[in-house]
Amino acid sequence: MERPLEAAEVDGKLYQIFPRFAIETAAGAPAAVGNKMGWSLEELQAALAKLPAGSSVLAPGETRESIFEAMFGDSLDQFVDWEAGKARFDSPEFRAILEFCADFPAQAPAVEDGTDAYTRVASGEQLLLPVYLSDLQSIQLYRALFGGGVTFAGYPGEGGSGVRFSADGGLAMSASCADKDAAWSFLRQTLLPDEEEISIGADFPVNRAAFERKAEESMAFSYLTDETGNTITGPDGEPMMEGTVYVFVGGQAIMLKPASQEDYDQVMALYEAADSLVSRDESIWAIAREQAGACFAGDRSAEDAAKAIQSRVELYLNEQK
């Protein structure tokens, strides 16, 4: 599965490999977020403005810091040109992010009403639900939560799809490795089929043959029968398939059946659209979080905070050369 590996490249070079991946994005009701995949911060703000006052974006009780981390903490690479050793945190786009986040409360409300994110989205009090897809069946959950129609609008960015890959850790070989052949022999195992990776519930395998086999297992089904051989029906009156599970969210039971061709096609559309890998350079994040915090506290303007981040990040980038 080449696309997550391509997303992990830096300047056209692959420095890490990983055995599994997932797809991350954000979903919303078409009536609230429109019908297209990918949008700008300005479009998100316009959609949020149509919701009732006090509505949240991704979760109840959002603060300036939490929305900054949830929406932008893993995508700061879009403001960094690693090859050139340049950054553009002093751009109007990044200043707009700081100003957007600064509009949220400094502290979460002392008393929450107890409603979960699923209920809030259904009632129009929340714009988006974070999406983590690691199997084909899960996409049924989001269609059910939004009444059949769902838009994977994603996280706002500059011309991107709003869909990204995530990988649980990665492996790399040191340039000073004393036995590169042995190290590569070990690393190569990461890319080969592994029966444990194919099991339902694990993330998608990077190995294509394993991926397709997992998809086949997810889509295979037979009808459940009782001891007399009669087909068992579910609460909806339809015959129950083996492998059907119920997920309880927002006070309702949602039935997830074995994956269909529609599920496969929709997941693969997101797979093809994903254009980045969830990643975070902890040094850059620490700089951005510190200066953004000063902005949120009113100690710096968004422009001054952006300039401070720009200066410190470029110094950091120069140190990496």
C-alpha atoms as a PDB file:
ATOM      1  CA  MET A   1       0.000   0.000   0.000  1.00  0.00           C
ATOM      2  CA  GLU A   2       2.205   2.775  -1.333  1.00  0.00           C
ATOM      3  CA  ARG A   3       0.256   5.895  -0.444  1.00  0.00           C
ATOM      4  CA  PRO A   4       0.907   5.919   3.337  1.00  0.00           C
ATOM      5  CA  LEU A   5       4.600   5.297   2.645  1.00  0.00           C
ATOM      6  CA  GLU A   6       4.642   8.135   0.111  1.00  0.00           C
ATOM      7  CA  ALA A   7       2.997  10.375   2.708  1.00  0.00           C
ATOM      8  CA  ALA A   8       5.816   9.515   5.114  1.00  0.00           C
ATOM      9  CA  GLU A   9       8.507  10.672   2.681  1.00  0.00           C
ATOM     10  CA  VAL A  10      10.573  13.749   3.455  1.00  0.00           C
ATOM     11  CA  ASP A  11      11.962  15.535   0.389  1.00  0.00           C
ATOM     12  CA  GLY A  12      11.227  12.440  -1.700  1.00  0.00           C
ATOM     13  CA  LYS A  13      13.102  10.084   0.630  1.00  0.00           C
ATOM     14  CA  LEU A  14      11.615   7.437   2.919  1.00  0.00           C
ATOM     15  CA  TYR A  15      13.302   7.417   6.320  1.00  0.00           C
ATOM     16  CA  GLN A  16      10.916   5.099   8.144  1.00  0.00           C
ATOM     17  CA  ILE A  17       8.630   2.148   7.502  1.00  0.00           C
ATOM     18  CA  PHE A  18       5.715   0.805   9.511  1.00  0.00           C
ATOM     19  CA  PRO A  19       3.609  -2.363   9.312  1.00  0.00           C
ATOM     20  CA  ARG A  20       0.148  -0.824   9.769  1.00  0.00           C
ATOM     21  CA  PHE A  21      -1.707   2.407   9.114  1.00  0.00           C
ATOM     22  CA  ALA A  22      -5.078   4.027   9.715  1.00  0.00           C
ATOM     23  CA  ILE A  23      -6.991   6.859   8.066  1.00  0.00           C
ATOM     24  CA  GLU A  24      -7.870   9.990  10.040  1.00  0.00           C
ATOM     25  CA  THR A  25     -10.246  12.770   9.068  1.00  0.00           C
ATOM     26  CA  ALA A  26     -13.313  14.559  10.433  1.00  0.00           C
ATOM     27  CA  ALA A  27     -16.949  13.993   9.486  1.00  0.00           C
ATOM     28  CA  GLY A  28     -19.956  16.258   9.477  1.00  0.00           C
ATOM     29  CA  ALA A  29     -23.541  16.427   8.323  1.00  0.00           C
ATOM     30  CA  PRO A  30     -23.826  17.611   4.689  1.00  0.00           C
ATOM     31  CA  ALA A  31     -26.370  20.224   5.746  1.00  0.00           C
ATOM     32  CA  ALA A  32     -23.777  21.759   8.056  1.00  0.00           C
ATOM     33  CA  VAL A  33     -20.466  21.268   6.246  1.00  0.00           C
ATOM     34  CA  GLY A  34     -21.435  20.848   2.590  1.00  0.00           C
ATOM     35  CA  ASN A  35     -20.625  17.934   0.332  1.00  0.00           C
ATOM     36  CA  LYS A  36     -16.972  18.285  -0.595  1.00  0.00           C
ATOM     37  CA  MET A  37     -13.875  16.728   0.919  1.00  0.00           C
ATOM     38  CA  GLY A  38     -11.357  19.264   2.191  1.00  0.00           C
ATOM     39  CA  TRP A  39     -11.986  22.866   3.148  1.00  0.00           C
ATOM     40  CA  SER A  40     -10.298  26.019   4.342  1.00  0.00           C
ATOM     41  CA  LEU A  41     -10.334  27.543   7.797  1.00  0.00           C
ATOM     42  CA  GLU A  42     -12.540  30.330   6.440  1.00  0.00           C
ATOM     43  CA  GLU A  43     -15.102  27.795   5.205  1.00  0.00           C
ATOM     44  CA  LEU A  44     -15.074  26.019   8.566  1.00  0.00           C
ATOM     45  CA  GLN A  45     -15.637  29.323  10.371  1.00  0.00           C
ATOM     46  CA  ALA A  46     -18.577  30.130   8.101  1.00  0.00           C
ATOM     47  CA  ALA A  47     -20.143  26.722   8.827  1.00  0.00           C
ATOM     48  CA  LEU A  48     -19.560  27.107  12.579  1.00  0.00           C
ATOM     49  CA  ALA A  49     -21.196  30.550  12.555  1.00  0.00           C
ATOM     50  CA  LYS A  50     -24.463  28.960  11.382  1.00  0.00           C
ATOM     51  CA  LEU A  51     -24.665  26.709  14.446  1.00  0.00           C
ATOM     52  CA  PRO A  52     -26.216  27.867  17.750  1.00  0.00           C
ATOM     53  CA  ALA A  53     -24.064  30.082  19.977  1.00  0.00           C
ATOM     54  CA  GLY A  54     -21.668  28.068  22.084  1.00  0.00           C
ATOM     55  CA  SER A  55     -21.457  25.178  19.640  1.00  0.00           C
ATOM     56  CA  SER A  56     -18.193  23.256  19.513  1.00  0.00           C
ATOM     57  CA  VAL A  57     -16.038  22.161  16.593  1.00  0.00           C
ATOM     58  CA  LEU A  58     -14.703  18.732  17.593  1.00  0.00           C
ATOM     59  CA  ALA A  59     -15.605  18.123  21.241  1.00  0.00           C
ATOM     60  CA  PRO A  60     -17.600  19.650  24.076  1.00  0.00           C
ATOM     61  CA  GLY A  61     -15.744  21.959  26.432  1.00  0.00           C
ATOM     62  CA  GLU A  62     -13.137  23.165  23.953  1.00  0.00           C
ATOM     63  CA  THR A  63     -10.557  25.731  25.021  1.00  0.00           C
ATOM     64  CA  ARG A  64      -8.053  27.819  23.085  1.00  0.00           C
ATOM     65  CA  GLU A  65      -5.263  25.354  23.788  1.00  0.00           C
ATOM     66  CA  SER A  66      -7.312  22.215  23.146  1.00  0.00           C
ATOM     67  CA  ILE A  67      -8.638  23.357  19.759  1.00  0.00           C
ATOM     68  CA  PHE A  68      -5.149  24.485  18.719  1.00  0.00           C
ATOM     69  CA  GLU A  69      -3.708  21.060  19.513  1.00  0.00           C
ATOM     70  CA  ALA A  70      -6.623  18.979  18.214  1.00  0.00           C
ATOM     71  CA  MET A  71      -6.916  20.726  14.860  1.00  0.00           C
ATOM     72  CA  PHE A  72      -3.390  21.929  14.122  1.00  0.00           C
ATOM     73  CA  GLY A  73      -0.926  20.202  16.457  1.00  0.00           C
ATOM     74  CA  ASP A  74      -0.192  17.361  14.036  1.00  0.00           C
ATOM     75  CA  SER A  75      -0.177  19.412  10.843  1.00  0.00           C
ATOM     76  CA  LEU A  76       2.382  22.152  11.533  1.00  0.00           C
ATOM     77  CA  ASP A  77       4.588  20.576   8.850  1.00  0.00           C
ATOM     78  CA  GLN A  78       2.487  22.412   6.267  1.00  0.00           C
ATOM     79  CA  PHE A  79       4.293  25.573   7.375  1.00  0.00           C
ATOM     80  CA  VAL A  80       7.781  24.026   7.116  1.00  0.00           C
ATOM     81  CA  ASP A  81       9.943  23.433   4.047  1.00  0.00           C
ATOM     82  CA  TRP A  82      12.409  20.900   5.407  1.00  0.00           C
ATOM     83  CA  GLU A  83      14.518  20.741   2.252  1.00  0.00           C
ATOM     84  CA  ALA A  84      15.043  24.490   2.100  1.00  0.00           C
ATOM     85  CA  GLY A  85      15.247  24.862   5.877  1.00  0.00           C
ATOM     86  CA  LYS A  86      12.549  27.546   5.770  1.00  0.00           C
ATOM     87  CA  ALA A  87       9.320  28.152   7.620  1.00  0.00           C
ATOM     88  CA  ARG A  88       6.344  30.440   7.115  1.00  0.00           C
ATOM     89  CA  PHE A  89       4.708  30.742  10.480  1.00  0.00           C
ATOM     90  CA  ASP A  90       4.640  34.505   9.900  1.00  0.00           C
ATOM     91  CA  SER A  91       2.174  33.976   7.046  1.00  0.00           C
ATOM     92  CA  PRO A  92      -1.400  35.320   7.109  1.00  0.00           C
ATOM     93  CA  GLU A  93      -2.644  31.699   7.115  1.00  0.00           C
ATOM     94  CA  PHE A  94      -0.940  30.855  10.403  1.00  0.00           C
ATOM     95  CA  ARG A  95      -1.921  34.165  12.011  1.00  0.00           C
ATOM     96  CA  ALA A  96      -5.524  33.328  11.099  1.00  0.00           C
ATOM     97  CA  ILE A  97      -5.166  30.013  12.966  1.00  0.00           C
ATOM     98  CA  LEU A  98      -3.983  31.786  16.111  1.00  0.00           C
ATOM     99  CA  GLU A  99      -6.810  34.311  15.885  1.00  0.00           C
ATOM    100  CA  PHE A 100      -9.371  31.551  15.345  1.00  0.00           C
ATOM    101  CA  CYS A 101      -8.194  29.583  18.382  1.00  0.00           C
ATOM    102  CA  ALA A 102      -7.981  32.714  20.540  1.00  0.00           C
ATOM    103  CA  ASP A 103     -11.749  33.169  20.178  1.00  0.00           C
ATOM    104  CA  PHE A 104     -12.406  30.029  22.229  1.00  0.00           C
ATOM    105  CA  PRO A 105     -12.703  30.163  26.044  1.00  0.00           C
ATOM    106  CA  ALA A 106      -9.586  30.151  28.167  1.00  0.00           C
ATOM    107  CA  GLN A 107     -11.056  27.436  30.382  1.00  0.00           C
ATOM    108  CA  ALA A 108     -13.618  24.721  29.814  1.00  0.00           C
ATOM    109  CA  PRO A 109     -17.042  25.294  31.386  1.00  0.00           C
ATOM    110  CA  ALA A 110     -17.081  24.267  35.032  1.00  0.00           C
ATOM    111  CA  VAL A 111     -20.238  22.192  34.550  1.00  0.00           C
ATOM    112  CA  GLU A 112     -20.828  20.023  31.500  1.00  0.00           C
ATOM    113  CA  ASP A 113     -24.334  18.942  30.520  1.00  0.00           C
ATOM    114  CA  GLY A 114     -23.165  15.351  30.054  1.00  0.00           C
ATOM    115  CA  THR A 115     -24.051  15.051  26.377  1.00  0.00           C
ATOM    116  CA  ASP A 116     -21.484  13.218  24.273  1.00  0.00           C
ATOM    117  CA  ALA A 117     -20.046  14.341  20.952  1.00  0.00           C
ATOM    118  CA  TYR A 118     -22.342  12.064  18.926  1.00  0.00           C
ATOM    119  CA  THR A 119     -25.463  13.530  20.503  1.00  0.00           C
ATOM    120  CA  ARG A 120     -24.156  17.076  20.062  1.00  0.00           C
ATOM    121  CA  VAL A 121     -23.483  16.552  16.358  1.00  0.00           C
ATOM    122  CA  ALA A 122     -26.908  14.996  15.840  1.00  0.00           C
ATOM    123  CA  SER A 123     -28.559  17.988  17.535  1.00  0.00           C
ATOM    124  CA  GLY A 124     -26.499  20.543  15.608  1.00  0.00           C
ATOM    125  CA  GLU A 125     -24.486  21.683  18.634  1.00  0.00           C
ATOM    126  CA  GLN A 126     -21.177  20.375  17.269  1.00  0.00           C
ATOM    127  CA  LEU A 127     -19.783  20.723  13.769  1.00  0.00           C
ATOM    128  CA  LEU A 128     -17.487  17.704  13.327  1.00  0.00           C
ATOM    129  CA  LEU A 129     -16.669  14.264  14.653  1.00  0.00           C
ATOM    130  CA  PRO A 130     -13.060  13.047  14.607  1.00  0.00           C
ATOM    131  CA  VAL A 131     -12.785   9.928  12.435  1.00  0.00           C
ATOM    132  CA  TYR A 132     -10.310   7.074  12.880  1.00  0.00           C
ATOM    133  CA  LEU A 133     -10.714   4.279  10.340  1.00  0.00           C
ATOM    134  CA  SER A 134      -8.732   1.103  10.918  1.00  0.00           C
ATOM    135  CA  ASP A 135     -11.132  -1.349   9.278  1.00  0.00           C
ATOM    136  CA  LEU A 136     -13.839  -1.348   6.620  1.00  0.00           C
ATOM    137  CA  GLN A 137     -16.809  -1.788   8.936  1.00  0.00           C
ATOM    138  CA  SER A 138     -16.234   1.384  10.968  1.00  0.00           C
ATOM    139  CA  ILE A 139     -17.321   3.664   8.154  1.00  0.00           C
ATOM    140  CA  GLN A 140     -20.874   2.356   8.650  1.00  0.00           C
ATOM    141  CA  LEU A 141     -20.896   4.033  12.073  1.00  0.00           C
ATOM    142  CA  TYR A 142     -20.534   7.522  10.614  1.00  0.00           C
ATOM    143  CA  ARG A 143     -23.180   6.982   7.956  1.00  0.00           C
ATOM    144  CA  ALA A 144     -25.576   5.806  10.666  1.00  0.00           C
ATOM    145  CA  LEU A 145     -24.792   8.687  13.010  1.00  0.00           C
ATOM    146  CA  PHE A 146     -25.530  11.219  10.291  1.00  0.00           C
ATOM    147  CA  GLY A 147     -28.651   9.479   9.062  1.00  0.00           C
ATOM    148  CA  GLY A 148     -27.090   7.956   5.959  1.00  0.00           C
ATOM    149  CA  GLY A 149     -25.496  11.074   4.500  1.00  0.00           C
ATOM    150  CA  VAL A 150     -22.054  12.047   5.750  1.00  0.00           C
ATOM    151  CA  THR A 151     -19.329  14.359   4.468  1.00  0.00           C
ATOM    152  CA  PHE A 152     -15.719  13.647   5.329  1.00  0.00           C
ATOM    153  CA  ALA A 153     -14.780  17.311   5.225  1.00  0.00           C
ATOM    154  CA  GLY A 154     -11.592  16.720   7.197  1.00  0.00           C
ATOM    155  CA  TYR A 155      -9.389  19.142   9.049  1.00  0.00           C
ATOM    156  CA  PRO A 156      -8.965  22.595   7.468  1.00  0.00           C
ATOM    157  CA  GLY A 157      -5.812  23.247   5.500  1.00  0.00           C
ATOM    158  CA  GLU A 158      -4.419  24.995   2.472  1.00  0.00           C
ATOM    159  CA  GLY A 159      -5.771  23.172  -0.537  1.00  0.00           C
ATOM    160  CA  GLY A 160      -5.526  19.696   0.982  1.00  0.00           C
ATOM    161  CA  SER A 161      -8.114  16.961   1.285  1.00  0.00           C
ATOM    162  CA  GLY A 162      -8.313  17.123   5.078  1.00  0.00           C
ATOM    163  CA  VAL A 163      -7.627  13.366   5.137  1.00  0.00           C
ATOM    164  CA  ARG A 164      -4.374  11.943   6.476  1.00  0.00           C
ATOM    165  CA  PHE A 165      -2.726   8.672   7.354  1.00  0.00           C
ATOM    166  CA  SER A 166      -1.530   7.731  10.806  1.00  0.00           C
ATOM    167  CA  ALA A 167       0.971   5.059  11.771  1.00  0.00           C
ATOM    168  CA  ASP A 168       1.563   3.632  15.215  1.00  0.00           C
ATOM    169  CA  GLY A 169       5.307   4.088  15.392  1.00  0.00           C
ATOM    170  CA  GLY A 170       7.907   3.475  12.717  1.00  0.00           C
ATOM    171  CA  LEU A 171      11.247   1.800  12.256  1.00  0.00           C
ATOM    172  CA  ALA A 172      14.383   3.264  10.736  1.00  0.00           C
ATOM    173  CA  MET A 173      18.025   2.309  10.274  1.00  0.00           C
ATOM    174  CA  SER A 174      20.813   4.519  11.565  1.00  0.00           C
ATOM    175  CA  ALA A 175      23.269   5.752   8.937  1.00  0.00           C
ATOM    176  CA  SER A 176      26.024   4.498  11.219  1.00  0.00           C
ATOM    177  CA  CYS A 177      24.529   1.011  11.550  1.00  0.00           C
ATOM    178  CA  ALA A 178      27.375  -1.529  11.754  1.00  0.00           C
ATOM    179  CA  ASP A 179      25.491  -4.275   9.883  1.00  0.00           C
ATOM    180  CA  LYS A 180      23.083  -2.769   7.386  1.00  0.00           C
ATOM    181  CA  ASP A 181      22.295  -6.104   5.740  1.00  0.00           C
ATOM    182  CA  ALA A 182      21.128  -7.610   9.024  1.00  0.00           C
ATOM    183  CA  ALA A 183      19.214  -4.452   9.910  1.00  0.00           C
ATOM    184  CA  TRP A 184      17.486  -4.398   6.542  1.00  0.00           C
ATOM    185  CA  SER A 185      16.627  -8.101   6.875  1.00  0.00           C
ATOM    186  CA  PHE A 186      14.839  -7.226  10.108  1.00  0.00           C
ATOM    187  CA  LEU A 187      13.150  -4.122   8.680  1.00  0.00           C
ATOM    188  CA  ARG A 188      11.989  -6.059   5.618  1.00  0.00           C
ATOM    189  CA  GLN A 189       9.849  -8.269   7.853  1.00  0.00           C
ATOM    190  CA  THR A 190       7.760  -5.181   8.593  1.00  0.00           C
ATOM    191  CA  LEU A 191       6.607  -5.070   4.979  1.00  0.00           C
ATOM    192  CA  LEU A 192       5.791  -8.778   4.607  1.00  0.00           C
ATOM    193  CA  PRO A 193       2.378 -10.358   5.291  1.00  0.00           C
ATOM    194  CA  ASP A 194       1.665 -11.140   8.924  1.00  0.00           C
ATOM    195  CA  GLU A 195      -1.365 -13.185   9.948  1.00  0.00           C
ATOM    196  CA  GLU A 196      -1.746 -11.182  13.158  1.00  0.00           C
ATOM    197  CA  GLU A 197      -2.035  -7.951  11.161  1.00  0.00           C
ATOM    198  CA  ILE A 198      -4.867  -9.383   9.095  1.00  0.00           C
ATOM    199  CA  SER A 199      -7.102 -10.036  12.082  1.00  0.00           C
ATOM    200  CA  ILE A 200     -10.235  -7.933  12.299  1.00  0.00           C
ATOM    201  CA  GLY A 201      -9.691  -5.008  14.653  1.00  0.00           C
ATOM    202  CA  ALA A 202      -6.049  -4.335  13.843  1.00  0.00           C
ATOM    203  CA  ASP A 203      -5.122  -1.344  11.701  1.00  0.00           C
ATOM    204  CA  PHE A 204      -4.816  -1.748   7.948  1.00  0.00           C
ATOM    205  CA  PRO A 205      -1.703  -3.717   6.888  1.00  0.00           C
ATOM    206  CA  VAL A 206       0.808  -1.877   4.700  1.00  0.00           C
ATOM    207  CA  ASN A 207       1.410  -5.083   2.763  1.00  0.00           C
ATOM    208  CA  ARG A 208      -1.086  -5.044  -0.131  1.00  0.00           C
ATOM    209  CA  ALA A 209      -1.755  -8.784  -0.178  1.00  0.00           C
ATOM    210  CA  ALA A 210      -2.483  -8.680   3.548  1.00  0.00           C
ATOM    211  CA  PHE A 211      -4.679  -5.605   3.067  1.00  0.00           C
ATOM    212  CA  GLU A 212      -6.791  -7.320   0.408  1.00  0.00           C
ATOM    213  CA  ARG A 213      -7.061 -10.486   2.478  1.00  0.00           C
ATOM    214  CA  LYS A 214      -8.243  -8.475   5.472  1.00  0.00           C
ATOM    215  CA  ALA A 215     -10.783  -6.749   3.224  1.00  0.00           C
ATOM    216  CA  GLU A 216     -12.060 -10.117   1.983  1.00  0.00           C
ATOM    217  CA  GLU A 217     -12.451 -11.366   5.550  1.00  0.00           C
ATOM    218  CA  SER A 218     -14.276  -8.155   6.511  1.00  0.00           C
ATOM    219  CA  MET A 219     -16.714  -8.588   3.617  1.00  0.00           C
ATOM    220  CA  ALA A 220     -17.330 -12.324   4.010  1.00  0.00           C
ATOM    221  CA  PHE A 221     -20.560 -13.270   5.778  1.00  0.00           C
ATOM    222  CA  SER A 222     -23.105 -15.961   6.440  1.00  0.00           C
ATOM    223  CA  TYR A 223     -26.519 -15.707   8.092  1.00  0.00           C
ATOM    224  CA  LEU A 224     -26.908 -16.714  11.719  1.00  0.00           C
ATOM    225  CA  THR A 225     -29.246 -19.618  12.402  1.00  0.00           C
ATOM    226  CA  ASP A 226     -30.697 -21.121  15.564  1.00  0.00           C
ATOM    227  CA  GLU A 227     -30.471 -24.756  16.660  1.00  0.00           C
ATOM    228  CA  THR A 228     -33.317 -25.678  14.303  1.00  0.00           C
ATOM    229  CA  GLY A 229     -31.639 -24.081  11.298  1.00  0.00           C
ATOM    230  CA  ASN A 230     -33.936 -21.054  11.109  1.00  0.00           C
ATOM    231  CA  THR A 231     -32.390 -17.686  10.262  1.00  0.00           C
ATOM    232  CA  ILE A 232     -32.109 -15.320  13.227  1.00  0.00           C
ATOM    233  CA  THR A 233     -33.421 -11.805  12.675  1.00  0.00           C
ATOM    234  CA  GLY A 234     -32.175  -8.654  14.366  1.00  0.00           C
ATOM    235  CA  PRO A 235     -34.097  -5.756  15.977  1.00  0.00           C
ATOM    236  CA  ASP A 236     -34.713  -4.318  12.525  1.00  0.00           C
ATOM    237  CA  GLY A 237     -36.374  -7.528  11.352  1.00  0.00           C
ATOM    238  CA  GLU A 238     -33.591  -8.269   8.876  1.00  0.00           C
ATOM    239  CA  PRO A 239     -31.629 -11.551   8.886  1.00  0.00           C
ATOM    240  CA  MET A 240     -28.548 -11.237  11.069  1.00  0.00           C
ATOM    241  CA  MET A 241     -25.154 -11.836   9.533  1.00  0.00           C
ATOM    242  CA  GLU A 242     -22.343 -13.560  11.347  1.00  0.00           C
ATOM    243  CA  GLY A 243     -19.835 -10.907  12.363  1.00  0.00           C
ATOM    244  CA  THR A 244     -22.525  -8.298  13.058  1.00  0.00           C
ATOM    245  CA  VAL A 245     -21.732  -6.163  16.088  1.00  0.00           C
ATOM    246  CA  TYR A 246     -23.627  -3.447  17.942  1.00  0.00           C
ATOM    247  CA  VAL A 247     -21.993  -0.202  18.976  1.00  0.00           C
ATOM    248  CA  PHE A 248     -23.756   1.927  21.601  1.00  0.00           C
ATOM    249  CA  VAL A 249     -23.174   5.634  21.016  1.00  0.00           C
ATOM    250  CA  GLY A 250     -25.247   8.670  21.784  1.00  0.00           C
ATOM    251  CA  GLY A 251     -27.876   6.565  23.525  1.00  0.00           C
ATOM    252  CA  GLN A 252     -28.558   4.436  20.475  1.00  0.00           C
ATOM    253  CA  ALA A 253     -27.489   0.989  19.314  1.00  0.00           C
ATOM    254  CA  ILE A 254     -25.887   1.065  15.866  1.00  0.00           C
ATOM    255  CA  MET A 255     -25.513  -2.215  14.016  1.00  0.00           C
ATOM    256  CA  LEU A 256     -22.296  -2.739  12.078  1.00  0.00           C
ATOM    257  CA  LYS A 257     -22.627  -5.506   9.528  1.00  0.00           C
ATOM    258  CA  PRO A 258     -19.853  -7.251   7.597  1.00  0.00           C
ATOM    259  CA  ALA A 259     -18.398  -4.719   5.166  1.00  0.00           C
ATOM    260  CA  SER A 260     -20.091  -4.135   1.825  1.00  0.00           C
ATOM    261  CA  GLN A 261     -18.683  -3.064  -1.513  1.00  0.00           C
ATOM    262  CA  GLU A 262     -19.960   0.425  -0.707  1.00  0.00           C
ATOM    263  CA  ASP A 263     -17.904   0.420   2.496  1.00  0.00           C
ATOM    264  CA  TYR A 264     -14.814  -0.735   0.619  1.00  0.00           C
ATOM    265  CA  ASP A 265     -15.229   1.880  -2.098  1.00  0.00           C
ATOM    266  CA  GLN A 266     -15.758   4.715   0.391  1.00  0.00           C
ATOM    267  CA  VAL A 267     -12.731   3.739   2.483  1.00  0.00           C
ATOM    268  CA  MET A 268     -10.600   3.468  -0.661  1.00  0.00           C
ATOM    269  CA  ALA A 269     -11.778   6.919  -1.782  1.00  0.00           C
ATOM    270  CA  LEU A 270     -10.481   8.298   1.520  1.00  0.00           C
ATOM    271  CA  TYR A 271      -7.280   6.261   1.102  1.00  0.00           C
ATOM    272  CA  GLU A 272      -6.672   7.820  -2.321  1.00  0.00           C
ATOM    273  CA  ALA A 273      -7.474  11.304  -1.027  1.00  0.00           C
ATOM    274  CA  ALA A 274      -5.156  11.185   2.024  1.00  0.00           C
ATOM    275  CA  ASP A 275      -2.226  13.496   1.344  1.00  0.00           C
ATOM    276  CA  SER A 276      -0.177  13.580   4.545  1.00  0.00           C
ATOM    277  CA  LEU A 277       0.972  11.548   7.525  1.00  0.00           C
ATOM    278  CA  VAL A 278       0.010  12.563  11.050  1.00  0.00           C
ATOM    279  CA  SER A 279       3.318  13.642  12.525  1.00  0.00           C
ATOM    280  CA  ARG A 280       4.655  16.070  15.059  1.00  0.00           C
ATOM    281  CA  ASP A 281       8.150  17.448  15.453  1.00  0.00           C
ATOM    282  CA  GLU A 282       8.147  17.878  19.207  1.00  0.00           C
ATOM    283  CA  SER A 283      10.642  20.757  19.113  1.00  0.00           C
ATOM    284  CA  ILE A 284       8.530  22.767  16.672  1.00  0.00           C
ATOM    285  CA  TRP A 285       5.372  21.921  18.573  1.00  0.00           C
ATOM    286  CA  ALA A 286       6.913  23.114  21.845  1.00  0.00           C
ATOM    287  CA  ILE A 287       7.863  26.439  20.246  1.00  0.00           C
ATOM    288  CA  ALA A 288       4.426  26.890  18.672  1.00  0.00           C
ATOM    289  CA  ARG A 289       2.568  25.922  21.853  1.00  0.00           C
ATOM    290  CA  GLU A 290       4.593  28.312  24.022  1.00  0.00           C
ATOM    291  CA  GLN A 291       4.158  31.328  21.771  1.00  0.00           C
ATOM    292  CA  ALA A 292       0.535  30.515  20.971  1.00  0.00           C
ATOM    293  CA  GLY A 293      -0.084  30.346  24.721  1.00  0.00           C
ATOM    294  CA  ALA A 294       1.315  33.866  25.081  1.00  0.00           C
ATOM    295  CA  CYS A 295      -1.037  35.002  22.338  1.00  0.00           C
ATOM    296  CA  PHE A 296      -4.034  33.299  23.937  1.00  0.00           C
ATOM    297  CA  ALA A 297      -3.195  34.883  27.293  1.00  0.00           C
ATOM    298  CA  GLY A 298      -3.140  38.341  25.696  1.00  0.00           C
ATOM    299  CA  ASP A 299       0.582  38.844  26.279  1.00  0.00           C
ATOM    300  CA  ARG A 300       1.335  38.924  22.532  1.00  0.00           C
ATOM    301  CA  SER A 301      -0.632  39.769  19.446  1.00  0.00           C
ATOM    302  CA  ALA A 302      -1.187  37.004  16.893  1.00  0.00           C
ATOM    303  CA  GLU A 303       1.261  38.791  14.585  1.00  0.00           C
ATOM    304  CA  ASP A 304       3.984  39.034  17.228  1.00  0.00           C
ATOM    305  CA  ALA A 305       3.483  35.415  18.320  1.00  0.00           C
ATOM    306  CA  ALA A 306       3.694  34.251  14.707  1.00  0.00           C
ATOM    307  CA  LYS A 307       6.914  36.223  14.178  1.00  0.00           C
ATOM    308  CA  ALA A 308       8.431  34.736  17.342  1.00  0.00           C
ATOM    309  CA  ILE A 309       7.535  31.209  16.213  1.00  0.00           C
ATOM    310  CA  GLN A 310       8.971  31.928  12.775  1.00  0.00           C
ATOM    311  CA  SER A 311      12.271  33.169  14.182  1.00  0.00           C
ATOM    312  CA  ARG A 312      12.748  30.297  16.605  1.00  0.00           C
ATOM    313  CA  VAL A 313      11.685  27.581  14.159  1.00  0.00           C
ATOM    314  CA  GLU A 314      14.049  28.837  11.460  1.00  0.00           C
ATOM    315  CA  LEU A 315      16.866  28.852  14.011  1.00  0.00           C
ATOM    316  CA  TYR A 316      15.954  25.262  14.902  1.00  0.00           C
ATOM    317  CA  LEU A 317      15.870  24.260  11.217  1.00  0.00           C
ATOM    318  CA  ASN A 318      19.305  25.769  10.639  1.00  0.00           C
ATOM    319  CA  GLU A 319      20.655  23.762  13.564  1.00  0.00           C
ATOM    320  CA  GLN A 320      19.481  20.555  11.871  1.00  0.00           C
ATOM    321  CA  LYS A 321      21.579  21.111   8.748  1.00  0.00           C
END
